[in-house]
Amino acid sequence: MENFTPVSAAIGGVLIGTSAALLWLGLGRIAGISGIIGNIATAKPEDVGWRIAFVGLIAAPVLYRIAGGTVPPIEIGVPSLIVIAGGLLVGLGTRLGSGCTSGHRV
């Protein structure tokens, strides 16, 4: 249980919930990452900015690493192809289910 961090997890949950609520209150949009990324190519010009800001969530870990941040090694006990297939299936499921957990208020 050395990686059990309830305080940082709770803070992260509050930040995700707050940002999702603010997007809904401010723009009337649901903050589901799968829908935001999936519809970015066909978005109205006025919607592109906030969609790109959310896509920045994906770039954040890469930027952190480039800035010199350290990340513990990740060990996954299955072949990479299984992980990729699982990720694609999760993405498909979120599209079929009309959004991911961030859009349904974590």
PDB file of N, CA and C in Angstrom:
ATOM      1  N   MET A   1       0.826  -1.199   0.000  1.00  0.00           N
ATOM      2  CA  MET A   1       0.000   0.000   0.000  1.00  0.00           C
ATOM      3  C   MET A   1       0.866   1.257   0.000  1.00  0.00           C
ATOM      4  N   GLU A   2       2.096   1.148  -0.460  1.00  0.00           N
ATOM      5  CA  GLU A   2       2.983   2.309  -0.471  1.00  0.00           C
ATOM      6  C   GLU A   2       2.537   3.383  -1.448  1.00  0.00           C
ATOM      7  N   ASN A   3       1.731   3.037  -2.455  1.00  0.00           N
ATOM      8  CA  ASN A   3       1.268   4.014  -3.432  1.00  0.00           C
ATOM      9  C   ASN A   3      -0.143   4.506  -3.150  1.00  0.00           C
ATOM     10  N   PHE A   4      -0.678   4.219  -1.982  1.00  0.00           N
ATOM     11  CA  PHE A   4      -2.016   4.646  -1.596  1.00  0.00           C
ATOM     12  C   PHE A   4      -1.970   6.124  -1.219  1.00  0.00           C
ATOM     13  N   THR A   5      -2.614   6.963  -2.038  1.00  0.00           N
ATOM     14  CA  THR A   5      -2.566   8.413  -1.825  1.00  0.00           C
ATOM     15  C   THR A   5      -3.983   8.993  -1.868  1.00  0.00           C
ATOM     16  N   PRO A   6      -4.752   8.799  -0.821  1.00  0.00           N
ATOM     17  CA  PRO A   6      -6.148   9.241  -0.860  1.00  0.00           C
ATOM     18  C   PRO A   6      -6.315  10.757  -0.958  1.00  0.00           C
ATOM     19  N   VAL A   7      -5.408  11.526  -0.376  1.00  0.00           N
ATOM     20  CA  VAL A   7      -5.551  12.984  -0.421  1.00  0.00           C
ATOM     21  C   VAL A   7      -5.363  13.496  -1.841  1.00  0.00           C
ATOM     22  N   SER A   8      -4.278  13.077  -2.503  1.00  0.00           N
ATOM     23  CA  SER A   8      -4.060  13.554  -3.872  1.00  0.00           C
ATOM     24  C   SER A   8      -5.136  13.021  -4.813  1.00  0.00           C
ATOM     25  N   ALA A   9      -5.625  11.806  -4.574  1.00  0.00           N
ATOM     26  CA  ALA A   9      -6.700  11.262  -5.403  1.00  0.00           C
ATOM     27  C   ALA A   9      -7.985  12.069  -5.210  1.00  0.00           C
ATOM     28  N   ALA A  10      -8.289  12.448  -3.984  1.00  0.00           N
ATOM     29  CA  ALA A  10      -9.482  13.250  -3.714  1.00  0.00           C
ATOM     30  C   ALA A  10      -9.366  14.633  -4.343  1.00  0.00           C
ATOM     31  N   ILE A  11      -8.190  15.233  -4.261  1.00  0.00           N
ATOM     32  CA  ILE A  11      -7.975  16.551  -4.877  1.00  0.00           C
ATOM     33  C   ILE A  11      -8.148  16.443  -6.394  1.00  0.00           C
ATOM     34  N   GLY A  12      -7.580  15.394  -6.989  1.00  0.00           N
ATOM     35  CA  GLY A  12      -7.738  15.184  -8.429  1.00  0.00           C
ATOM     36  C   GLY A  12      -9.191  15.014  -8.816  1.00  0.00           C
ATOM     37  N   GLY A  13      -9.942  14.251  -8.037  1.00  0.00           N
ATOM     38  CA  GLY A  13     -11.363  14.057  -8.311  1.00  0.00           C
ATOM     39  C   GLY A  13     -12.146  15.354  -8.232  1.00  0.00           C
ATOM     40  N   VAL A  14     -11.821  16.182  -7.232  1.00  0.00           N
ATOM     41  CA  VAL A  14     -12.495  17.481  -7.100  1.00  0.00           C
ATOM     42  C   VAL A  14     -12.167  18.371  -8.296  1.00  0.00           C
ATOM     43  N   LEU A  15     -10.911  18.373  -8.744  1.00  0.00           N
ATOM     44  CA  LEU A  15     -10.526  19.194  -9.898  1.00  0.00           C
ATOM     45  C   LEU A  15     -11.226  18.729 -11.174  1.00  0.00           C
ATOM     46  N   ILE A  16     -11.297  17.419 -11.384  1.00  0.00           N
ATOM     47  CA  ILE A  16     -11.993  16.892 -12.570  1.00  0.00           C
ATOM     48  C   ILE A  16     -13.476  17.248 -12.510  1.00  0.00           C
ATOM     49  N   GLY A  17     -14.097  17.022 -11.367  1.00  0.00           N
ATOM     50  CA  GLY A  17     -15.517  17.342 -11.219  1.00  0.00           C
ATOM     51  C   GLY A  17     -15.806  18.818 -11.398  1.00  0.00           C
ATOM     52  N   THR A  18     -14.941  19.659 -10.837  1.00  0.00           N
ATOM     53  CA  THR A  18     -15.123  21.102 -10.960  1.00  0.00           C
ATOM     54  C   THR A  18     -14.977  21.549 -12.409  1.00  0.00           C
ATOM     55  N   SER A  19     -13.947  21.037 -13.102  1.00  0.00           N
ATOM     56  CA  SER A  19     -13.758  21.446 -14.496  1.00  0.00           C
ATOM     57  C   SER A  19     -14.914  20.964 -15.366  1.00  0.00           C
ATOM     58  N   ALA A  20     -15.417  19.766 -15.120  1.00  0.00           N
ATOM     59  CA  ALA A  20     -16.562  19.257 -15.892  1.00  0.00           C
ATOM     60  C   ALA A  20     -17.801  20.111 -15.623  1.00  0.00           C
ATOM     61  N   ALA A  21     -18.028  20.493 -14.365  1.00  0.00           N
ATOM     62  CA  ALA A  21     -19.184  21.323 -14.021  1.00  0.00           C
ATOM     63  C   ALA A  21     -19.064  22.714 -14.634  1.00  0.00           C
ATOM     64  N   LEU A  22     -17.862  23.286 -14.613  1.00  0.00           N
ATOM     65  CA  LEU A  22     -17.669  24.613 -15.188  1.00  0.00           C
ATOM     66  C   LEU A  22     -17.876  24.608 -16.705  1.00  0.00           C
ATOM     67  N   LEU A  23     -17.428  23.560 -17.370  1.00  0.00           N
ATOM     68  CA  LEU A  23     -17.642  23.472 -18.817  1.00  0.00           C
ATOM     69  C   LEU A  23     -19.135  23.371 -19.114  1.00  0.00           C
ATOM     70  N   TRP A  24     -19.863  22.602 -18.315  1.00  0.00           N
ATOM     71  CA  TRP A  24     -21.300  22.464 -18.522  1.00  0.00           C
ATOM     72  C   TRP A  24     -22.025  23.784 -18.220  1.00  0.00           C
ATOM     73  N   LEU A  25     -21.663  24.410 -17.113  1.00  0.00           N
ATOM     74  CA  LEU A  25     -22.313  25.672 -16.750  1.00  0.00           C
ATOM     75  C   LEU A  25     -21.938  26.808 -17.699  1.00  0.00           C
ATOM     76  N   GLY A  26     -20.676  26.845 -18.115  1.00  0.00           N
ATOM     77  CA  GLY A  26     -20.200  27.943 -18.953  1.00  0.00           C
ATOM     78  C   GLY A  26     -20.563  27.815 -20.424  1.00  0.00           C
ATOM     79  N   LEU A  27     -20.465  26.605 -20.964  1.00  0.00           N
ATOM     80  CA  LEU A  27     -20.691  26.418 -22.393  1.00  0.00           C
ATOM     81  C   LEU A  27     -21.831  25.462 -22.713  1.00  0.00           C
ATOM     82  N   GLY A  28     -22.389  24.836 -21.673  1.00  0.00           N
ATOM     83  CA  GLY A  28     -23.466  23.878 -21.908  1.00  0.00           C
ATOM     84  C   GLY A  28     -22.973  22.595 -22.553  1.00  0.00           C
ATOM     85  N   ARG A  29     -21.700  22.278 -22.363  1.00  0.00           N
ATOM     86  CA  ARG A  29     -21.098  21.085 -22.969  1.00  0.00           C
ATOM     87  C   ARG A  29     -20.728  20.075 -21.905  1.00  0.00           C
ATOM     88  N   ILE A  30     -20.846  18.806 -22.235  1.00  0.00           N
ATOM     89  CA  ILE A  30     -20.444  17.746 -21.320  1.00  0.00           C
ATOM     90  C   ILE A  30     -18.976  17.434 -21.566  1.00  0.00           C
ATOM     91  N   ALA A  31     -18.209  17.327 -20.496  1.00  0.00           N
ATOM     92  CA  ALA A  31     -16.758  17.150 -20.584  1.00  0.00           C
ATOM     93  C   ALA A  31     -16.357  15.689 -20.683  1.00  0.00           C
ATOM     94  N   GLY A  32     -16.841  15.011 -21.690  1.00  0.00           N
ATOM     95  CA  GLY A  32     -16.426  13.634 -21.931  1.00  0.00           C
ATOM     96  C   GLY A  32     -15.271  13.635 -22.923  1.00  0.00           C
ATOM     97  N   ILE A  33     -14.113  13.199 -22.485  1.00  0.00           N
ATOM     98  CA  ILE A  33     -12.920  13.263 -23.321  1.00  0.00           C
ATOM     99  C   ILE A  33     -13.124  12.511 -24.632  1.00  0.00           C
ATOM    100  N   SER A  34     -13.793  11.368 -24.596  1.00  0.00           N
ATOM    101  CA  SER A  34     -13.991  10.601 -25.836  1.00  0.00           C
ATOM    102  C   SER A  34     -14.805  11.390 -26.850  1.00  0.00           C
ATOM    103  N   GLY A  35     -15.821  12.087 -26.418  1.00  0.00           N
ATOM    104  CA  GLY A  35     -16.625  12.897 -27.328  1.00  0.00           C
ATOM    105  C   GLY A  35     -15.897  14.138 -27.797  1.00  0.00           C
ATOM    106  N   ILE A  36     -15.121  14.732 -26.910  1.00  0.00           N
ATOM    107  CA  ILE A  36     -14.371  15.935 -27.266  1.00  0.00           C
ATOM    108  C   ILE A  36     -13.350  15.617 -28.351  1.00  0.00           C
ATOM    109  N   ILE A  37     -12.605  14.558 -28.154  1.00  0.00           N
ATOM    110  CA  ILE A  37     -11.584  14.191 -29.140  1.00  0.00           C
ATOM    111  C   ILE A  37     -12.240  13.616 -30.391  1.00  0.00           C
ATOM    112  N   GLY A  38     -13.264  12.802 -30.216  1.00  0.00           N
ATOM    113  CA  GLY A  38     -13.918  12.170 -31.356  1.00  0.00           C
ATOM    114  C   GLY A  38     -14.589  13.151 -32.294  1.00  0.00           C
ATOM    115  N   ASN A  39     -15.007  14.298 -31.780  1.00  0.00           N
ATOM    116  CA  ASN A  39     -15.716  15.281 -32.608  1.00  0.00           C
ATOM    117  C   ASN A  39     -14.874  16.504 -32.939  1.00  0.00           C
ATOM    118  N   ILE A  40     -13.588  16.484 -32.634  1.00  0.00           N
ATOM    119  CA  ILE A  40     -12.765  17.680 -32.832  1.00  0.00           C
ATOM    120  C   ILE A  40     -12.632  18.047 -34.313  1.00  0.00           C
ATOM    121  N   ALA A  41     -12.604  17.061 -35.195  1.00  0.00           N
ATOM    122  CA  ALA A  41     -12.436  17.337 -36.627  1.00  0.00           C
ATOM    123  C   ALA A  41     -13.681  17.975 -37.235  1.00  0.00           C
ATOM    124  N   THR A  42     -14.849  17.717 -36.665  1.00  0.00           N
ATOM    125  CA  THR A  42     -16.087  18.253 -37.216  1.00  0.00           C
ATOM    126  C   THR A  42     -16.691  19.355 -36.345  1.00  0.00           C
ATOM    127  N   ALA A  43     -15.928  19.846 -35.390  1.00  0.00           N
ATOM    128  CA  ALA A  43     -16.445  20.852 -34.456  1.00  0.00           C
ATOM    129  C   ALA A  43     -16.635  22.199 -35.141  1.00  0.00           C
ATOM    130  N   LYS A  44     -17.560  22.976 -34.611  1.00  0.00           N
ATOM    131  CA  LYS A  44     -17.751  24.349 -35.066  1.00  0.00           C
ATOM    132  C   LYS A  44     -16.499  25.138 -34.722  1.00  0.00           C
ATOM    133  N   PRO A  45     -16.155  26.150 -35.502  1.00  0.00           N
ATOM    134  CA  PRO A  45     -14.943  26.927 -35.225  1.00  0.00           C
ATOM    135  C   PRO A  45     -14.887  27.486 -33.800  1.00  0.00           C
ATOM    136  N   GLU A  46     -16.026  27.896 -33.244  1.00  0.00           N
ATOM    137  CA  GLU A  46     -16.027  28.454 -31.886  1.00  0.00           C
ATOM    138  C   GLU A  46     -15.825  27.395 -30.809  1.00  0.00           C
ATOM    139  N   ASP A  47     -15.949  26.119 -31.168  1.00  0.00           N
ATOM    140  CA  ASP A  47     -15.756  25.035 -30.208  1.00  0.00           C
ATOM    141  C   ASP A  47     -14.347  24.446 -30.229  1.00  0.00           C
ATOM    142  N   VAL A  48     -13.547  24.814 -31.190  1.00  0.00           N
ATOM    143  CA  VAL A  48     -12.228  24.200 -31.335  1.00  0.00           C
ATOM    144  C   VAL A  48     -11.305  24.544 -30.165  1.00  0.00           C
ATOM    145  N   GLY A  49     -11.335  25.783 -29.683  1.00  0.00           N
ATOM    146  CA  GLY A  49     -10.426  26.220 -28.614  1.00  0.00           C
ATOM    147  C   GLY A  49     -10.546  25.414 -27.338  1.00  0.00           C
ATOM    148  N   TRP A  50     -11.757  25.269 -26.839  1.00  0.00           N
ATOM    149  CA  TRP A  50     -11.909  24.524 -25.589  1.00  0.00           C
ATOM    150  C   TRP A  50     -11.650  23.042 -25.784  1.00  0.00           C
ATOM    151  N   ARG A  51     -11.920  22.530 -26.988  1.00  0.00           N
ATOM    152  CA  ARG A  51     -11.608  21.122 -27.258  1.00  0.00           C
ATOM    153  C   ARG A  51     -10.099  20.889 -27.240  1.00  0.00           C
ATOM    154  N   ILE A  52      -9.347  21.812 -27.833  1.00  0.00           N
ATOM    155  CA  ILE A  52      -7.887  21.687 -27.834  1.00  0.00           C
ATOM    156  C   ILE A  52      -7.348  21.775 -26.407  1.00  0.00           C
ATOM    157  N   ALA A  53      -7.951  22.629 -25.576  1.00  0.00           N
ATOM    158  CA  ALA A  53      -7.521  22.735 -24.172  1.00  0.00           C
ATOM    159  C   ALA A  53      -7.695  21.401 -23.458  1.00  0.00           C
ATOM    160  N   PHE A  54      -8.787  20.705 -23.710  1.00  0.00           N
ATOM    161  CA  PHE A  54      -8.995  19.402 -23.086  1.00  0.00           C
ATOM    162  C   PHE A  54      -8.048  18.356 -23.643  1.00  0.00           C
ATOM    163  N   VAL A  55      -7.736  18.441 -24.940  1.00  0.00           N
ATOM    164  CA  VAL A  55      -6.773  17.513 -25.525  1.00  0.00           C
ATOM    165  C   VAL A  55      -5.408  17.711 -24.849  1.00  0.00           C
ATOM    166  N   GLY A  56      -5.153  18.908 -24.352  1.00  0.00           N
ATOM    167  CA  GLY A  56      -3.920  19.183 -23.608  1.00  0.00           C
ATOM    168  C   GLY A  56      -3.750  18.282 -22.402  1.00  0.00           C
ATOM    169  N   LEU A  57      -4.854  17.743 -21.896  1.00  0.00           N
ATOM    170  CA  LEU A  57      -4.765  16.797 -20.790  1.00  0.00           C
ATOM    171  C   LEU A  57      -3.916  15.585 -21.164  1.00  0.00           C
ATOM    172  N   ILE A  58      -4.014  15.192 -22.424  1.00  0.00           N
ATOM    173  CA  ILE A  58      -3.246  14.044 -22.896  1.00  0.00           C
ATOM    174  C   ILE A  58      -1.772  14.404 -23.014  1.00  0.00           C
ATOM    175  N   ALA A  59      -1.493  15.649 -23.389  1.00  0.00           N
ATOM    176  CA  ALA A  59      -0.109  16.088 -23.567  1.00  0.00           C
ATOM    177  C   ALA A  59       0.580  16.375 -22.235  1.00  0.00           C
ATOM    178  N   ALA A  60      -0.168  16.601 -21.177  1.00  0.00           N
ATOM    179  CA  ALA A  60       0.418  16.989 -19.892  1.00  0.00           C
ATOM    180  C   ALA A  60       1.473  16.013 -19.374  1.00  0.00           C
ATOM    181  N   PRO A  61       1.228  14.709 -19.375  1.00  0.00           N
ATOM    182  CA  PRO A  61       2.266  13.795 -18.885  1.00  0.00           C
ATOM    183  C   PRO A  61       3.545  13.833 -19.724  1.00  0.00           C
ATOM    184  N   VAL A  62       3.382  14.008 -21.020  1.00  0.00           N
ATOM    185  CA  VAL A  62       4.559  14.090 -21.900  1.00  0.00           C
ATOM    186  C   VAL A  62       5.350  15.355 -21.587  1.00  0.00           C
ATOM    187  N   LEU A  63       4.647  16.482 -21.432  1.00  0.00           N
ATOM    188  CA  LEU A  63       5.316  17.742 -21.097  1.00  0.00           C
ATOM    189  C   LEU A  63       5.994  17.656 -19.728  1.00  0.00           C
ATOM    190  N   TYR A  64       5.356  16.984 -18.790  1.00  0.00           N
ATOM    191  CA  TYR A  64       5.946  16.787 -17.470  1.00  0.00           C
ATOM    192  C   TYR A  64       7.268  16.043 -17.577  1.00  0.00           C
ATOM    193  N   ARG A  65       7.263  15.002 -18.381  1.00  0.00           N
ATOM    194  CA  ARG A  65       8.476  14.193 -18.565  1.00  0.00           C
ATOM    195  C   ARG A  65       9.570  15.003 -19.251  1.00  0.00           C
ATOM    196  N   ILE A  66       9.208  15.791 -20.264  1.00  0.00           N
ATOM    197  CA  ILE A  66      10.170  16.630 -20.972  1.00  0.00           C
ATOM    198  C   ILE A  66      10.771  17.670 -20.028  1.00  0.00           C
ATOM    199  N   ALA A  67       9.966  18.170 -19.106  1.00  0.00           N
ATOM    200  CA  ALA A  67      10.429  19.179 -18.153  1.00  0.00           C
ATOM    201  C   ALA A  67      11.322  18.592 -17.066  1.00  0.00           C
ATOM    202  N   GLY A  68      11.537  17.287 -17.091  1.00  0.00           N
ATOM    203  CA  GLY A  68      12.441  16.671 -16.132  1.00  0.00           C
ATOM    204  C   GLY A  68      11.770  15.918 -15.013  1.00  0.00           C
ATOM    205  N   GLY A  69      10.468  15.794 -15.050  1.00  0.00           N
ATOM    206  CA  GLY A  69       9.756  15.048 -14.023  1.00  0.00           C
ATOM    207  C   GLY A  69      10.071  13.566 -14.115  1.00  0.00           C
ATOM    208  N   THR A  70      10.108  12.927 -12.973  1.00  0.00           N
ATOM    209  CA  THR A  70      10.399  11.496 -12.962  1.00  0.00           C
ATOM    210  C   THR A  70       9.110  10.702 -12.760  1.00  0.00           C
ATOM    211  N   VAL A  71       9.068   9.574 -13.394  1.00  0.00           N
ATOM    212  CA  VAL A  71       7.894   8.705 -13.334  1.00  0.00           C
ATOM    213  C   VAL A  71       8.373   7.307 -12.972  1.00  0.00           C
ATOM    214  N   PRO A  72       7.747   6.666 -12.002  1.00  0.00           N
ATOM    215  CA  PRO A  72       8.158   5.297 -11.682  1.00  0.00           C
ATOM    216  C   PRO A  72       7.896   4.371 -12.861  1.00  0.00           C
ATOM    217  N   PRO A  73       8.714   3.347 -13.026  1.00  0.00           N
ATOM    218  CA  PRO A  73       8.494   2.431 -14.145  1.00  0.00           C
ATOM    219  C   PRO A  73       7.163   1.698 -14.008  1.00  0.00           C
ATOM    220  N   ILE A  74       6.534   1.489 -15.134  1.00  0.00           N
ATOM    221  CA  ILE A  74       5.252   0.786 -15.159  1.00  0.00           C
ATOM    222  C   ILE A  74       5.499  -0.630 -15.657  1.00  0.00           C
ATOM    223  N   GLU A  75       5.021  -1.599 -14.908  1.00  0.00           N
ATOM    224  CA  GLU A  75       5.161  -2.993 -15.307  1.00  0.00           C
ATOM    225  C   GLU A  75       3.780  -3.560 -15.594  1.00  0.00           C
ATOM    226  N   ILE A  76       3.605  -4.004 -16.833  1.00  0.00           N
ATOM    227  CA  ILE A  76       2.336  -4.591 -17.246  1.00  0.00           C
ATOM    228  C   ILE A  76       2.615  -6.029 -17.642  1.00  0.00           C
ATOM    229  N   GLY A  77       1.862  -6.943 -17.079  1.00  0.00           N
ATOM    230  CA  GLY A  77       2.137  -8.355 -17.274  1.00  0.00           C
ATOM    231  C   GLY A  77       1.475  -8.980 -18.490  1.00  0.00           C
ATOM    232  N   VAL A  78       1.064  -8.167 -19.477  1.00  0.00           N
ATOM    233  CA  VAL A  78       0.459  -8.699 -20.694  1.00  0.00           C
ATOM    234  C   VAL A  78       1.143  -8.072 -21.903  1.00  0.00           C
ATOM    235  N   PRO A  79       1.040  -8.688 -23.064  1.00  0.00           N
ATOM    236  CA  PRO A  79       1.659  -8.119 -24.260  1.00  0.00           C
ATOM    237  C   PRO A  79       1.072  -6.753 -24.633  1.00  0.00           C
ATOM    238  N   SER A  80       1.886  -5.913 -25.234  1.00  0.00           N
ATOM    239  CA  SER A  80       1.451  -4.567 -25.625  1.00  0.00           C
ATOM    240  C   SER A  80       0.236  -4.594 -26.535  1.00  0.00           C
ATOM    241  N   LEU A  81       0.139  -5.579 -27.406  1.00  0.00           N
ATOM    242  CA  LEU A  81      -1.001  -5.678 -28.313  1.00  0.00           C
ATOM    243  C   LEU A  81      -2.316  -5.814 -27.542  1.00  0.00           C
ATOM    244  N   ILE A  82      -2.298  -6.541 -26.440  1.00  0.00           N
ATOM    245  CA  ILE A  82      -3.501  -6.696 -25.602  1.00  0.00           C
ATOM    246  C   ILE A  82      -3.872  -5.351 -24.973  1.00  0.00           C
ATOM    247  N   VAL A  83      -2.873  -4.611 -24.504  1.00  0.00           N
ATOM    248  CA  VAL A  83      -3.128  -3.299 -23.891  1.00  0.00           C
ATOM    249  C   VAL A  83      -3.717  -2.338 -24.917  1.00  0.00           C
ATOM    250  N   ILE A  84      -3.152  -2.319 -26.125  1.00  0.00           N
ATOM    251  CA  ILE A  84      -3.651  -1.439 -27.184  1.00  0.00           C
ATOM    252  C   ILE A  84      -5.076  -1.825 -27.564  1.00  0.00           C
ATOM    253  N   ALA A  85      -5.333  -3.115 -27.725  1.00  0.00           N
ATOM    254  CA  ALA A  85      -6.684  -3.571 -28.066  1.00  0.00           C
ATOM    255  C   ALA A  85      -7.668  -3.193 -26.958  1.00  0.00           C
ATOM    256  N   GLY A  86      -7.257  -3.345 -25.706  1.00  0.00           N
ATOM    257  CA  GLY A  86      -8.119  -2.966 -24.588  1.00  0.00           C
ATOM    258  C   GLY A  86      -8.434  -1.484 -24.594  1.00  0.00           C
ATOM    259  N   GLY A  87      -7.431  -0.657 -24.858  1.00  0.00           N
ATOM    260  CA  GLY A  87      -7.649   0.789 -24.930  1.00  0.00           C
ATOM    261  C   GLY A  87      -8.608   1.168 -26.039  1.00  0.00           C
ATOM    262  N   LEU A  88      -8.454   0.534 -27.196  1.00  0.00           N
ATOM    263  CA  LEU A  88      -9.366   0.803 -28.305  1.00  0.00           C
ATOM    264  C   LEU A  88     -10.789   0.364 -27.983  1.00  0.00           C
ATOM    265  N   LEU A  89     -10.934  -0.757 -27.303  1.00  0.00           N
ATOM    266  CA  LEU A  89     -12.271  -1.219 -26.919  1.00  0.00           C
ATOM    267  C   LEU A  89     -12.920  -0.296 -25.887  1.00  0.00           C
ATOM    268  N   VAL A  90     -12.118   0.224 -24.967  1.00  0.00           N
ATOM    269  CA  VAL A  90     -12.653   1.185 -23.999  1.00  0.00           C
ATOM    270  C   VAL A  90     -13.116   2.446 -24.724  1.00  0.00           C
ATOM    271  N   GLY A  91     -12.315   2.921 -25.670  1.00  0.00           N
ATOM    272  CA  GLY A  91     -12.708   4.093 -26.456  1.00  0.00           C
ATOM    273  C   GLY A  91     -13.988   3.855 -27.232  1.00  0.00           C
ATOM    274  N   LEU A  92     -14.108   2.689 -27.829  1.00  0.00           N
ATOM    275  CA  LEU A  92     -15.327   2.343 -28.559  1.00  0.00           C
ATOM    276  C   LEU A  92     -16.521   2.287 -27.606  1.00  0.00           C
ATOM    277  N   GLY A  93     -16.322   1.705 -26.449  1.00  0.00           N
ATOM    278  CA  GLY A  93     -17.401   1.617 -25.470  1.00  0.00           C
ATOM    279  C   GLY A  93     -17.866   2.971 -24.972  1.00  0.00           C
ATOM    280  N   THR A  94     -16.925   3.885 -24.778  1.00  0.00           N
ATOM    281  CA  THR A  94     -17.331   5.215 -24.321  1.00  0.00           C
ATOM    282  C   THR A  94     -18.101   5.960 -25.404  1.00  0.00           C
ATOM    283  N   ARG A  95     -17.740   5.741 -26.660  1.00  0.00           N
ATOM    284  CA  ARG A  95     -18.489   6.370 -27.751  1.00  0.00           C
ATOM    285  C   ARG A  95     -19.896   5.774 -27.846  1.00  0.00           C
ATOM    286  N   LEU A  96     -19.988   4.463 -27.742  1.00  0.00           N
ATOM    287  CA  LEU A  96     -21.298   3.816 -27.809  1.00  0.00           C
ATOM    288  C   LEU A  96     -22.163   4.189 -26.607  1.00  0.00           C
ATOM    289  N   GLY A  97     -21.536   4.400 -25.463  1.00  0.00           N
ATOM    290  CA  GLY A  97     -22.258   4.741 -24.245  1.00  0.00           C
ATOM    291  C   GLY A  97     -22.470   6.225 -24.060  1.00  0.00           C
ATOM    292  N   SER A  98     -22.143   7.013 -25.064  1.00  0.00           N
ATOM    293  CA  SER A  98     -22.345   8.463 -25.053  1.00  0.00           C
ATOM    294  C   SER A  98     -21.475   9.209 -24.061  1.00  0.00           C
ATOM    295  N   GLY A  99     -20.251   8.753 -23.856  1.00  0.00           N
ATOM    296  CA  GLY A  99     -19.322   9.525 -23.040  1.00  0.00           C
ATOM    297  C   GLY A  99     -18.595   8.702 -22.016  1.00  0.00           C
ATOM    298  N   CYS A 100     -17.556   9.309 -21.459  1.00  0.00           N
ATOM    299  CA  CYS A 100     -16.745   8.625 -20.457  1.00  0.00           C
ATOM    300  C   CYS A 100     -17.073   9.168 -19.062  1.00  0.00           C
ATOM    301  N   THR A 101     -16.413   8.656 -18.065  1.00  0.00           N
ATOM    302  CA  THR A 101     -16.746   9.009 -16.684  1.00  0.00           C
ATOM    303  C   THR A 101     -16.570  10.488 -16.397  1.00  0.00           C
ATOM    304  N   SER A 102     -15.609  11.155 -17.037  1.00  0.00           N
ATOM    305  CA  SER A 102     -15.457  12.585 -16.773  1.00  0.00           C
ATOM    306  C   SER A 102     -16.698  13.342 -17.219  1.00  0.00           C
ATOM    307  N   GLY A 103     -17.327  12.893 -18.282  1.00  0.00           N
ATOM    308  CA  GLY A 103     -18.528  13.550 -18.765  1.00  0.00           C
ATOM    309  C   GLY A 103     -19.757  13.233 -17.948  1.00  0.00           C
ATOM    310  N   HIS A 104     -19.723  12.190 -17.172  1.00  0.00           N
ATOM    311  CA  HIS A 104     -20.858  11.808 -16.345  1.00  0.00           C
ATOM    312  C   HIS A 104     -20.609  12.108 -14.868  1.00  0.00           C
ATOM    313  N   ARG A 105     -19.804  13.098 -14.628  1.00  0.00           N
ATOM    314  CA  ARG A 105     -19.511  13.636 -13.282  1.00  0.00           C
ATOM    315  C   ARG A 105     -18.894  12.599 -12.363  1.00  0.00           C
ATOM    316  N   VAL A 106     -17.599  12.463 -12.494  1.00  0.00           N
ATOM    317  CA  VAL A 106     -16.851  11.566 -11.618  1.00  0.00           C
ATOM    318  C   VAL A 106     -17.284  11.820 -10.211  1.00  0.00           C
TER     319      VAL A 106
END
